[in-house]
Amino acid sequence: MRVLGLDTSTEYLSLALYLDGEIVSREVHAGQRHSELTLPMLDQLLADTGVSLKSLDGIAFGQGPGTFTGIRIGCGIAQGLAFGADLPVAGIPTLLALAEQAEHAHVIACLDARMSEVYHAVYQRAGEVWREIHAPGLYAPQAVPAVAGEDWAGIGSGFKVADGALCQHYAGQLCKILDDRFPHAREIARLGAQCLAQGRGVPAWEAAPLYIRDRVALKTNER
């Protein structure tokens, strides 16, 4: 299985090639330059590895949640590349990609959603299969869903929001906190390969972002 993974859901841009179990990746702090940097970076990655788009089995992208502009760019690029090369697409939730990065079986994944809120999801893994305990949602840090038991790994920038309110919310339940991690194309490519191998890819025109928030800024009277 040979899969291209890409993520533009945060201020970071990452690309990865999953090549029959081996992963080659690139990343850069893109700020708001994802649309400018992604294709040249992809061309270089393909040139460095000697891989062509048409030799791939599919394309996976971080479908969100994340920044509105970022996940739209990622979805659009994945659609364009897949359409041109006649490849299936796998949209991978960014919080699931974070969970995969935690290297733990019980994971609370949270990203800073700005506006004093977090994107939050909870997953458990048995072998190579993730089970969604709480679906991705948007919450105030003090209002995230409860989890049962201990031995949970917390991962993502959401654990820094509101002076670590999530750490207090889950006090005594977290075995480790990885608050400097962001979604990355490595995990998106790996999860995408699993998805595509199971026949769960979709045609390019059916790929869609995962939006959770329906507004991107506070009104003046809310600030």
Foldseek 3Di string as FASTA:
>chain_A
DWEWEWEQQEQKTKIWICDVNDIDMDIDRNRPCCLVPVPVVVVVVCVVVVHDLLVGQAYEYAQDDGDPVRNVSRLVVRLVSCVVNVHFYHHDHFQVLQVVVQPFQWEWEWEDLPPQKIFIWIWGDDDHDIDTPGDTAIGRLLPDDDDDAAAYEYEELVCPGPNRSNCVNCPPRHPYYHHPDGRHRVSRRVVGVVCVVVVNTHRSVPDHHDYHDPDRDDDPVSD
